[in-house]
Structure formats: structure tokens, C-alpha cells
Amino acid sequence: MPLTIDQSPTPMKQRSFIVLAAVVAFLILGTVGVYAYDKSNDDTVAKGITAGGIDIGGMSRSKARATLSDELGAQLKRPLTVTWHARRYVLSPRGINARVDVDGMVDDALERTRDGNVLSRAVRSLTGSKVNDEVPVKLTYSRSAVQSFVKHVEASVNRPPQDAHVGYSSSGIRKVKGRNGVTVVDGKFRASVAEALRTPGGDRTISPVVAVTKPKVTTRQLASKYPSIIVVCRSCFQLRYYHRLKLQNTYTIAVGRQGLETPAGLYDVQSMQVNPSWHVPNSSWAGSLAGRVIPPGPDDPLKARWLGFNGGAGIHGTAESGSLGSAASHGCIRMGIPEVIALYKHMHVGDPVYIG
């Protein structure tokens, strides 16, 4: 009797096939469902995403756009203010034609929403997880207008250092303090302006970073820089001598007569002589002596010492002591002989002589 094999499926095999088919069908349906669910969220910003500091998570494209337009638009109307001590410089958004690309920001937010794969996005959405990402402000503005503003601020703030110096008047001298120089650090200032413009909701008041330059001469150095100073008051016929900025002596003098006035101004000692000769100027008042050189002696009106300033003018001793306290000379400053000798000992070529 021939051997036959029964090939009809057993109940066990039938059940396994049904289970497998059901699993496959479930996976297919699940995958389709996941894709469909993911597709339905294409225009919804993931939770946790902010744009320009504004929370737009969970919003549709249209709502996110409207929200950013309203809030960023209001923030952008606020001017940017630069302060430097008591000075204020205002940059108007309208003046630089500032515009926010709201559509571009929403597109960026949705692009970040689509990061990852379908399954991870579906799980994130179903579980309420957040992306926690920030979309920067997309801002456009006139670069040339901002550059002009920056240059204006820098031109106003920048200043060179000022050395301490001496101020002069016919009544005496005064110390003028030195001042630090400041220079706006251009690169950092431009960067801070750009950053403030890109952050409409942030602090709209900034201060420039500056570099400080010290003066070469400080107030403490003035006394050593000016060991000897002469100040002449023509109207009161006095010469004041200052040693290291302190008044040491006051002398009665004679100054130039009307028409031959002693020249006013700030000069310095240009020449110094003991028992000088008189080089007579070629002037009508000199008469027959014009152009001559009178050596020291009784005919020489320049007695004892000579401190020359401003070309031909100078300070010298005189035998005409009765002229002191008046306008009597031909332009020079006359002093008593003992006084000019005492003064001469303290002076050097280059020392200041102020005639007021």
C-alpha cells in the first residue's frame, strides 16, 4: 500500500499565520497613523521654541506670525539710546529703516520643529516634551545709517588727553589740571549696537567701551616743569616772580610808554646776558643812535642784566630808578639794579614770561 503525506495546514500553523498577519497589519496601520499624525502637525511650532525671546511653542504658523508681528513690532518701536556720562545719543528704528522678517523667523521655528525622525517627533508631541530652542531675530536695517550714528557718537565722545598746564593772567597764574583722553573702542561699540538692535525686547540703553589715555604731564609734575615763571602786570607796574608755582617776589617796574607799549602775550626767555650792550633799534625815536651798539658803561641804559623775550624786547636794570612805577621805557621792562640781579639768578632760557 503506497505511503501518502497529509499537507493540509494544522490548526497551530493557521493560528500563527493569523497572528503574524495581524501584527503586520497593525504595524502598517500604526506607521500610517504615525505619518498621518506627524503630517497634521506640519504647521504647528513645537512646544518650547521661542523666537526673539517670545514663546511661540504650540502655535500654528498663522498665530505664530501674528504674535511675532504684534510683539516684535511694538518692541522695535523703542529707540536705542547710547549714554556717556550726562550725554545721550538716540538711534530711532525708523531712522535706520529697521524691519523684522517675521515669516523667515516662523519658517526657522517650523524647521527646528521638524528636527529628528517621524517617530521621535510623534513621541515628543504625544508626551508633551519640549524642544527648548531659540530662533534669533531676523532684522534688516540700513547699515550706512547705523555707521553714521556710530561715527557721530565716537566723534562726540573721543577726546585726546590734555596735559596739566599753567594758566596766565595779569594777576598771576593758576594750575590747570590734566585730563585723561578717551577713545571709543570701535569694534566693540559697533558689535554692542548691532546686538542691541537684534534684541528688540532687551535693554535698549548701552554705553560704549572706551580706552583711556593718560596725559603726559600730570598736575603733580607742573611744579618741576615750571621752576621759574615771570608775570608782568603792565597796568599795575608790577613784575611777579614764581618759583615752582609759588609767588616768591613782587617787584615795581617801568613799562613801555604810549606808542611804544611793552608787547602783551605769553613768551619765554630767549637770551640772557650779564652787563649787556645796547643794540639800538633802527627807530625814529633813537635819533642819531639808531643802529649803533652802545657798550656797557654810563651811556648804556641796559644796566646789570638782560632777559630777552619777543625778539628785541626784554627785562633789564635801570639807573633811572625814578621811572619805576610808570610807563616810561621804549618797550622794555625796567627794574631796579639789585632786583634784576636777584631775579636773573633764578631764570633760565625757556622759562615763561607772561605780559598782561
Protein backbone atom coordinates (compact mmCIF):
# COMPACT_ATOMS: atom_id res chain seq x y z
CA MET A 1 0.00 0.00 0.00
CA PRO A 2 1.60 3.30 -1.06
CA LEU A 3 2.73 5.93 1.59
CA THR A 4 0.80 9.31 1.50
CA ILE A 5 1.56 12.60 3.30
CA ASP A 6 -1.24 14.85 4.59
CA GLN A 7 -0.27 18.50 3.51
CA SER A 8 -3.33 20.28 4.92
CA PRO A 9 -2.40 23.02 7.47
CA THR A 10 -2.66 22.17 11.07
CA PRO A 11 -4.64 24.33 13.45
CA MET A 12 -1.33 25.56 15.06
CA LYS A 13 0.07 26.81 11.76
CA GLN A 14 -3.17 28.52 10.92
CA ARG A 15 -3.17 30.41 14.21
CA SER A 16 0.50 31.52 13.75
CA PHE A 17 -0.22 32.86 10.29
CA ILE A 18 -3.25 34.80 11.53
CA VAL A 19 -1.22 36.33 14.37
CA LEU A 20 1.62 37.31 12.03
CA ALA A 21 -0.80 38.84 9.55
CA ALA A 22 -2.46 40.78 12.35
CA VAL A 23 0.90 42.08 13.61
CA VAL A 24 1.93 43.16 10.12
CA ALA A 25 -1.41 44.85 9.59
CA PHE A 26 -1.09 46.61 12.95
CA LEU A 27 2.40 47.84 12.14
CA ILE A 28 1.30 49.07 8.75
CA LEU A 29 -1.71 50.82 10.18
CA GLY A 30 0.41 52.21 13.06
CA THR A 31 3.05 53.53 10.70
CA VAL A 32 0.42 55.13 8.51
CA GLY A 33 -1.13 56.63 11.61
CA VAL A 34 2.18 57.99 12.86
CA TYR A 35 2.89 59.55 9.48
CA ALA A 36 -0.60 60.99 9.34
CA TYR A 37 -0.29 62.38 12.87
CA ASP A 38 3.13 63.84 12.08
CA LYS A 39 1.81 65.38 8.88
CA SER A 40 -1.05 67.01 10.75
CA ASN A 41 1.50 68.91 12.85
CA ASP A 42 3.46 70.28 9.89
CA ASP A 43 2.29 73.84 10.55
CA THR A 44 2.45 73.76 14.35
CA VAL A 45 5.53 75.04 16.20
CA ALA A 46 6.91 72.59 18.72
CA LYS A 47 6.49 73.45 22.38
CA GLY A 48 9.49 75.13 23.99
CA ILE A 49 10.53 77.12 20.90
CA THR A 50 10.87 80.88 21.32
CA ALA A 51 11.60 83.48 18.66
CA GLY A 52 13.26 86.73 19.60
CA GLY A 53 12.53 85.91 23.24
CA ILE A 54 8.79 85.39 22.54
CA ASP A 55 7.23 81.99 23.27
CA ILE A 56 5.50 80.67 20.13
CA GLY A 57 5.54 76.99 21.14
CA GLY A 58 2.36 75.09 20.22
CA MET A 59 1.17 77.84 17.88
CA SER A 60 0.08 77.42 14.29
CA ARG A 61 2.00 79.20 11.57
CA SER A 62 -0.59 81.97 11.28
CA LYS A 63 -0.86 82.51 15.04
CA ALA A 64 2.92 82.50 15.49
CA ARG A 65 3.24 85.03 12.70
CA ALA A 66 0.58 87.31 14.19
CA THR A 67 2.10 87.04 17.67
CA LEU A 68 5.60 87.94 16.46
CA SER A 69 4.30 90.79 14.30
CA ASP A 70 2.45 92.35 17.23
CA GLU A 71 5.05 91.90 19.97
CA LEU A 72 8.24 92.42 17.96
CA GLY A 73 6.67 95.33 16.13
CA ALA A 74 5.89 97.05 19.43
CA GLN A 75 9.37 96.34 20.79
CA LEU A 76 11.06 97.56 17.63
CA LYS A 77 9.48 100.99 18.01
CA ARG A 78 11.60 101.58 21.12
CA PRO A 79 14.66 103.71 20.26
CA LEU A 80 18.19 102.63 21.05
CA THR A 81 19.94 105.02 23.44
CA VAL A 82 23.69 105.35 23.93
CA THR A 83 24.76 107.10 27.13
CA TRP A 84 28.11 108.59 28.01
CA HIS A 85 28.18 110.42 31.34
CA ALA A 86 25.48 113.10 31.04
CA ARG A 87 25.24 112.81 27.24
CA ARG A 88 22.59 110.80 25.40
CA TYR A 89 22.54 109.74 21.75
CA VAL A 90 19.29 108.29 20.36
CA LEU A 91 19.02 105.94 17.37
CA SER A 92 15.49 105.68 16.00
CA PRO A 93 14.47 102.36 14.37
CA ARG A 94 12.57 104.39 11.80
CA GLY A 95 15.70 106.38 11.04
CA ILE A 96 17.59 103.22 10.07
CA ASN A 97 14.58 101.61 8.29
CA ALA A 98 14.57 98.61 10.65
CA ARG A 99 12.43 95.66 9.55
CA VAL A 100 11.81 92.20 11.10
CA ASP A 101 11.44 89.19 8.79
CA VAL A 102 8.59 87.53 10.71
CA ASP A 103 7.88 84.94 8.01
CA GLY A 104 11.51 83.88 7.98
CA MET A 105 11.52 83.50 11.77
CA VAL A 106 8.37 81.34 11.69
CA ASP A 107 9.91 79.22 8.91
CA ASP A 108 13.02 78.71 11.07
CA ALA A 109 10.84 77.73 14.04
CA LEU A 110 8.97 75.15 11.96
CA GLU A 111 12.22 73.82 10.52
CA ARG A 112 13.52 73.24 14.02
CA THR A 113 10.19 71.62 14.87
CA ARG A 114 10.83 69.07 12.09
CA ASP A 115 14.23 68.07 13.50
CA GLY A 116 14.54 64.33 14.20
CA ASN A 117 12.60 61.43 12.62
CA VAL A 118 8.88 60.76 12.37
CA LEU A 119 8.75 58.52 15.42
CA SER A 120 10.73 60.85 17.68
CA ARG A 121 8.55 63.79 16.67
CA ALA A 122 5.37 61.79 17.30
CA VAL A 123 6.58 60.62 20.72
CA ARG A 124 7.62 64.18 21.60
CA SER A 125 4.24 65.54 20.59
CA LEU A 126 2.23 62.82 22.34
CA THR A 127 4.20 63.10 25.57
CA GLY A 128 4.24 66.91 25.58
CA SER A 129 8.04 67.12 25.54
CA LYS A 130 9.67 70.46 24.65
CA VAL A 131 12.34 71.33 22.10
CA ASN A 132 13.78 74.24 24.13
CA ASP A 133 15.27 76.18 21.22
CA GLU A 134 15.57 79.88 20.41
CA VAL A 135 15.13 81.42 16.97
CA PRO A 136 17.12 84.66 16.65
CA VAL A 137 15.53 87.85 15.36
CA LYS A 138 15.85 88.25 11.61
CA LEU A 139 16.40 92.00 11.38
CA THR A 140 17.35 94.17 8.43
CA TYR A 141 18.32 97.84 8.61
CA SER A 142 20.34 100.49 6.82
CA ARG A 143 24.00 99.72 7.51
CA SER A 144 25.06 103.17 6.32
CA ALA A 145 22.64 104.89 8.73
CA VAL A 146 23.95 102.86 11.67
CA GLN A 147 27.52 103.59 10.62
CA SER A 148 26.78 107.32 10.54
CA PHE A 149 25.29 107.10 14.04
CA VAL A 150 28.32 105.21 15.36
CA LYS A 151 30.71 107.77 13.84
CA HIS A 152 28.68 110.63 15.34
CA VAL A 153 28.88 109.12 18.83
CA GLU A 154 32.61 108.41 18.50
CA ALA A 155 33.33 111.95 17.26
CA SER A 156 31.49 113.36 20.27
CA VAL A 157 32.99 111.05 22.89
CA ASN A 158 36.58 110.75 21.65
CA ARG A 159 38.99 113.31 23.06
CA PRO A 160 42.77 113.47 23.29
CA PRO A 161 44.48 113.60 26.67
CA GLN A 162 45.12 117.10 27.97
CA ASP A 163 48.36 117.74 29.78
CA ALA A 164 48.25 119.70 33.00
CA HIS A 165 49.47 123.23 32.35
CA VAL A 166 49.65 126.73 33.75
CA GLY A 167 47.02 129.36 33.07
CA TYR A 168 48.12 133.01 32.96
CA SER A 169 46.57 136.40 33.63
CA SER A 170 47.93 139.79 34.62
CA SER A 171 47.00 138.98 38.23
CA GLY A 172 49.00 135.74 38.39
CA ILE A 173 48.97 132.07 37.46
CA ARG A 174 46.73 129.10 38.11
CA LYS A 175 47.06 125.35 37.78
CA VAL A 176 45.00 123.74 35.02
CA LYS A 177 44.53 120.06 35.77
CA GLY A 178 45.35 117.39 33.24
CA ARG A 179 42.58 115.29 31.73
CA ASN A 180 42.53 111.71 30.56
CA GLY A 181 41.94 111.06 26.90
CA VAL A 182 39.21 108.62 25.86
CA THR A 183 38.72 106.73 22.61
CA VAL A 184 35.70 104.57 21.83
CA VAL A 185 36.77 101.00 21.04
CA ASP A 186 35.20 100.97 17.60
CA GLY A 187 34.82 97.21 17.09
CA LYS A 188 33.21 96.56 20.47
CA PHE A 189 30.93 99.57 20.16
CA ARG A 190 29.67 98.53 16.73
CA ALA A 191 29.10 94.98 18.00
CA SER A 192 27.11 96.20 21.01
CA VAL A 193 24.93 98.42 18.80
CA ALA A 194 24.27 95.52 16.42
CA GLU A 195 23.46 93.16 19.33
CA ALA A 196 21.04 95.67 20.88
CA LEU A 197 19.29 96.11 17.53
CA ARG A 198 18.95 92.33 17.17
CA THR A 199 17.38 92.10 20.64
CA PRO A 200 14.27 94.33 20.46
CA GLY A 201 12.99 93.10 23.81
CA GLY A 202 16.30 93.61 25.63
CA ASP A 203 17.91 96.62 27.25
CA ARG A 204 17.79 99.45 24.73
CA THR A 205 20.33 101.58 26.60
CA ILE A 206 24.02 100.88 26.13
CA SER A 207 27.31 102.62 26.89
CA PRO A 208 30.37 102.49 24.65
CA VAL A 209 33.54 100.74 25.77
CA VAL A 210 36.40 103.25 25.79
CA ALA A 211 40.18 103.12 26.02
CA VAL A 212 41.70 105.66 28.43
CA THR A 213 44.95 107.51 27.67
CA LYS A 214 46.80 109.25 30.49
CA PRO A 215 48.23 112.77 29.97
CA LYS A 216 52.00 113.07 29.64
CA VAL A 217 52.10 115.89 32.22
CA THR A 218 50.14 115.50 35.45
CA THR A 219 49.21 118.21 37.93
CA ARG A 220 51.86 116.90 40.31
CA GLN A 221 54.53 117.37 37.66
CA LEU A 222 53.71 121.03 36.99
CA ALA A 223 55.97 122.45 39.69
CA SER A 224 59.04 120.66 38.33
CA LYS A 225 58.07 121.51 34.73
CA TYR A 226 57.79 125.22 35.55
CA PRO A 227 60.52 126.03 38.11
CA SER A 228 60.50 129.76 37.28
CA ILE A 229 57.77 131.97 35.82
CA ILE A 230 57.56 135.73 35.33
CA VAL A 231 54.19 137.50 35.19
CA VAL A 232 54.09 141.21 34.31
CA CYS A 233 51.08 143.40 35.06
CA ARG A 234 51.55 146.49 32.89
CA SER A 235 48.64 148.45 34.34
CA CYS A 236 49.86 148.00 37.92
CA PHE A 237 53.60 148.24 37.06
CA GLN A 238 54.48 145.02 38.81
CA LEU A 239 56.57 142.00 37.97
CA ARG A 240 55.80 138.81 39.89
CA TYR A 241 58.31 136.00 40.14
CA TYR A 242 57.01 132.46 40.80
CA HIS A 243 59.24 129.62 41.96
CA ARG A 244 57.72 126.17 41.50
CA LEU A 245 54.31 127.84 41.02
CA LYS A 246 54.51 129.78 44.30
CA LEU A 247 54.83 133.56 44.41
CA GLN A 248 58.28 134.46 45.71
CA ASN A 249 58.72 138.18 44.96
CA THR A 250 56.86 141.16 43.58
CA TYR A 251 58.88 143.99 42.01
CA THR A 252 57.93 147.52 40.93
CA ILE A 253 58.83 148.09 37.28
CA ALA A 254 58.55 150.54 34.41
CA VAL A 255 56.89 149.52 31.14
CA GLY A 256 56.70 150.95 27.62
CA ARG A 257 55.27 154.41 27.15
CA GLN A 258 52.31 155.26 24.93
CA GLY A 259 53.08 154.36 21.32
CA LEU A 260 55.95 152.10 22.41
CA GLU A 261 53.98 149.78 24.67
CA THR A 262 55.54 146.61 26.01
CA PRO A 263 54.00 143.83 23.86
CA ALA A 264 51.36 141.71 25.60
CA GLY A 265 51.39 137.93 25.32
CA LEU A 266 52.99 134.72 26.52
CA TYR A 267 56.67 134.46 25.68
CA ASP A 268 59.72 132.71 27.02
CA VAL A 269 63.22 133.81 27.88
CA GLN A 270 65.21 133.75 24.63
CA SER A 271 68.52 135.24 25.73
CA MET A 272 70.37 136.12 28.94
CA GLN A 273 73.34 138.46 29.38
CA VAL A 274 75.39 139.97 32.19
CA ASN A 275 76.25 143.66 31.65
CA PRO A 276 74.72 143.68 28.16
CA SER A 277 75.49 146.08 25.35
CA TRP A 278 72.62 148.09 23.90
CA HIS A 279 71.83 147.31 20.30
CA VAL A 280 69.93 150.44 19.39
CA PRO A 281 66.93 149.69 17.15
CA ASN A 282 66.57 151.45 13.80
CA SER A 283 63.64 153.52 15.00
CA SER A 284 62.92 157.22 14.69
CA TRP A 285 62.87 157.69 18.44
CA ALA A 286 66.55 156.56 18.63
CA GLY A 287 67.70 159.59 16.63
CA SER A 288 71.41 159.60 15.81
CA LEU A 289 71.93 156.45 17.90
CA ALA A 290 69.76 154.30 15.59
CA GLY A 291 71.52 151.12 14.54
CA ARG A 292 74.53 151.63 16.84
CA VAL A 293 75.82 149.30 19.56
CA ILE A 294 76.41 151.01 22.90
CA PRO A 295 78.82 149.02 25.11
CA PRO A 296 78.37 148.71 28.87
CA GLY A 297 79.06 152.00 30.62
CA PRO A 298 77.40 155.28 31.53
CA ASP A 299 75.81 155.71 28.05
CA ASP A 300 74.28 152.23 28.10
CA PRO A 301 70.71 152.29 29.56
CA LEU A 302 70.70 148.49 29.95
CA LYS A 303 72.19 148.01 33.38
CA ALA A 304 73.48 144.88 35.08
CA ARG A 305 71.37 142.12 33.48
CA TRP A 306 69.34 141.33 30.39
CA LEU A 307 66.49 138.80 29.95
CA GLY A 308 65.40 138.97 26.33
CA PHE A 309 61.96 137.88 25.05
CA ASN A 310 59.93 138.53 21.90
CA GLY A 311 62.88 139.47 19.75
CA GLY A 312 64.09 142.94 20.76
CA ALA A 313 62.08 143.40 23.96
CA GLY A 314 63.49 142.36 27.33
CA ILE A 315 63.86 142.90 31.05
CA HIS A 316 66.86 144.90 32.28
CA GLY A 317 68.14 147.00 35.13
CA THR A 318 67.98 150.80 35.01
CA ALA A 319 69.82 153.69 36.64
CA GLU A 320 66.62 155.78 36.31
CA SER A 321 65.01 154.47 39.47
CA GLY A 322 62.56 157.38 39.40
CA SER A 323 60.92 155.91 36.28
CA LEU A 324 59.87 152.75 38.11
CA GLY A 325 56.13 152.57 38.63
CA SER A 326 55.36 154.36 35.35
CA ALA A 327 55.12 153.92 31.58
CA ALA A 328 58.47 155.35 30.65
CA SER A 329 60.51 152.92 28.54
CA HIS A 330 60.75 152.34 24.80
CA GLY A 331 59.10 148.91 25.14
CA CYS A 332 61.38 147.07 27.56
CA ILE A 333 60.68 146.32 31.20
CA ARG A 334 62.89 148.25 33.63
CA MET A 335 63.81 147.01 37.10
CA GLY A 336 65.97 148.27 39.91
CA ILE A 337 69.54 147.02 39.54
CA PRO A 338 69.63 144.92 42.77
CA GLU A 339 66.23 143.44 41.88
CA VAL A 340 67.16 142.43 38.34
CA ILE A 341 70.38 140.84 39.60
CA ALA A 342 68.40 138.81 42.16
CA LEU A 343 65.80 137.78 39.57
CA TYR A 344 68.42 136.82 36.99
CA LYS A 345 69.88 134.17 39.30
CA HIS A 346 66.65 132.15 39.16
CA MET A 347 65.91 132.34 35.44
CA HIS A 348 66.86 130.09 32.53
CA VAL A 349 66.43 130.25 28.78
CA GLY A 350 62.98 128.84 28.00
CA ASP A 351 61.28 129.97 31.21
CA PRO A 352 57.84 131.53 30.61
CA VAL A 353 57.32 135.30 30.59
CA TYR A 354 53.71 136.46 30.53
CA ILE A 355 52.93 140.11 29.80
CA GLY A 356 49.38 141.10 30.72
